[in-house]
Amino acid sequence: MMKSRVNYKNIECISVSIRCIQQRIFQPRISLGKHRT
């Protein structure tokens, strides 16, 4: 069960990373704005 939970968290982390990368590629201006803020 613990291993399953870790796997699930890992998958979620990866999905967030992919989303972040996509946002940076497709909307770099928004990323810069957020960083400035």
N, C-alpha and C. Protein backbone atom coordinates (compact mmCIF):
# COMPACT_ATOMS: atom_id res chain seq x y z
N MET A 1 0.84 -1.21 0.00
CA MET A 1 0.00 0.00 0.00
C MET A 1 0.87 1.26 0.00
N MET A 2 1.89 1.26 0.82
CA MET A 2 2.75 2.45 0.88
C MET A 2 3.40 2.69 -0.49
N LYS A 3 3.88 1.60 -1.10
CA LYS A 3 4.52 1.77 -2.41
C LYS A 3 3.51 2.34 -3.41
N SER A 4 2.28 1.87 -3.35
CA SER A 4 1.24 2.36 -4.26
C SER A 4 1.05 3.86 -4.04
N ARG A 5 1.01 4.27 -2.78
CA ARG A 5 0.82 5.70 -2.49
C ARG A 5 1.98 6.51 -3.04
N VAL A 6 3.18 6.03 -2.85
CA VAL A 6 4.36 6.76 -3.35
C VAL A 6 4.27 6.88 -4.87
N ASN A 7 3.89 5.77 -5.53
CA ASN A 7 3.76 5.79 -6.99
C ASN A 7 2.74 6.84 -7.40
N TYR A 8 1.61 6.86 -6.72
CA TYR A 8 0.54 7.80 -7.07
C TYR A 8 1.06 9.24 -6.92
N LYS A 9 1.76 9.50 -5.84
CA LYS A 9 2.30 10.86 -5.62
C LYS A 9 3.31 11.19 -6.72
N ASN A 10 4.14 10.21 -7.07
CA ASN A 10 5.13 10.43 -8.13
C ASN A 10 4.45 10.79 -9.43
N ILE A 11 3.39 10.06 -9.76
CA ILE A 11 2.67 10.32 -11.01
C ILE A 11 2.10 11.74 -10.97
N GLU A 12 1.54 12.12 -9.84
CA GLU A 12 0.97 13.47 -9.72
C GLU A 12 2.07 14.52 -9.91
N CYS A 13 3.21 14.28 -9.29
CA CYS A 13 4.34 15.21 -9.38
C CYS A 13 4.76 15.35 -10.84
N ILE A 14 4.83 14.23 -11.54
CA ILE A 14 5.26 14.26 -12.95
C ILE A 14 4.24 15.06 -13.76
N SER A 15 2.94 14.82 -13.50
CA SER A 15 1.91 15.55 -14.27
C SER A 15 2.03 17.04 -14.02
N VAL A 16 2.33 17.43 -12.80
CA VAL A 16 2.47 18.87 -12.48
C VAL A 16 3.70 19.42 -13.22
N SER A 17 4.77 18.63 -13.24
CA SER A 17 5.99 19.07 -13.94
C SER A 17 5.70 19.27 -15.42
N ILE A 18 4.99 18.32 -16.02
CA ILE A 18 4.67 18.43 -17.45
C ILE A 18 3.82 19.68 -17.68
N ARG A 19 2.87 19.91 -16.79
CA ARG A 19 2.00 21.10 -16.93
C ARG A 19 2.85 22.36 -16.85
N CYS A 20 3.75 22.40 -15.90
CA CYS A 20 4.62 23.57 -15.72
C CYS A 20 5.44 23.79 -16.99
N ILE A 21 6.01 22.72 -17.52
CA ILE A 21 6.84 22.83 -18.73
C ILE A 21 5.99 23.32 -19.90
N GLN A 22 4.78 22.76 -20.05
CA GLN A 22 3.91 23.17 -21.15
C GLN A 22 3.57 24.65 -21.01
N GLN A 23 3.27 25.09 -19.80
CA GLN A 23 2.93 26.50 -19.59
C GLN A 23 4.12 27.38 -19.96
N ARG A 24 5.32 26.96 -19.60
CA ARG A 24 6.51 27.76 -19.91
C ARG A 24 6.72 27.83 -21.42
N ILE A 25 6.46 26.71 -22.10
CA ILE A 25 6.69 26.67 -23.56
C ILE A 25 5.61 27.47 -24.28
N PHE A 26 4.35 27.27 -23.87
CA PHE A 26 3.24 27.91 -24.58
C PHE A 26 2.99 29.33 -24.11
N GLN A 27 3.26 29.61 -22.84
CA GLN A 27 2.99 30.96 -22.31
C GLN A 27 4.17 31.45 -21.47
N PRO A 28 5.30 31.71 -22.12
CA PRO A 28 6.48 32.16 -21.37
C PRO A 28 6.28 33.55 -20.76
N ARG A 29 5.44 34.37 -21.39
CA ARG A 29 5.22 35.72 -20.87
C ARG A 29 4.53 35.65 -19.52
N ILE A 30 3.55 34.78 -19.38
CA ILE A 30 2.83 34.66 -18.11
C ILE A 30 3.81 34.17 -17.04
N SER A 31 4.68 33.22 -17.42
CA SER A 31 5.66 32.68 -16.45
C SER A 31 6.55 33.82 -15.95
N LEU A 32 7.02 34.64 -16.87
CA LEU A 32 7.90 35.74 -16.48
C LEU A 32 7.15 36.69 -15.57
N GLY A 33 5.89 36.98 -15.90
CA GLY A 33 5.09 37.88 -15.08
C GLY A 33 4.96 37.33 -13.67
N LYS A 34 4.71 36.02 -13.55
CA LYS A 34 4.56 35.42 -12.22
C LYS A 34 5.88 35.51 -11.47
N HIS A 35 6.98 35.27 -12.16
CA HIS A 35 8.29 35.34 -11.50
C HIS A 35 8.55 36.76 -11.01
N ARG A 36 8.19 37.74 -11.81
CA ARG A 36 8.42 39.13 -11.41
C ARG A 36 7.59 39.46 -10.18
N THR A 37 6.37 38.99 -10.16
CA THR A 37 5.50 39.27 -9.02
C THR A 37 6.07 38.53 -7.81
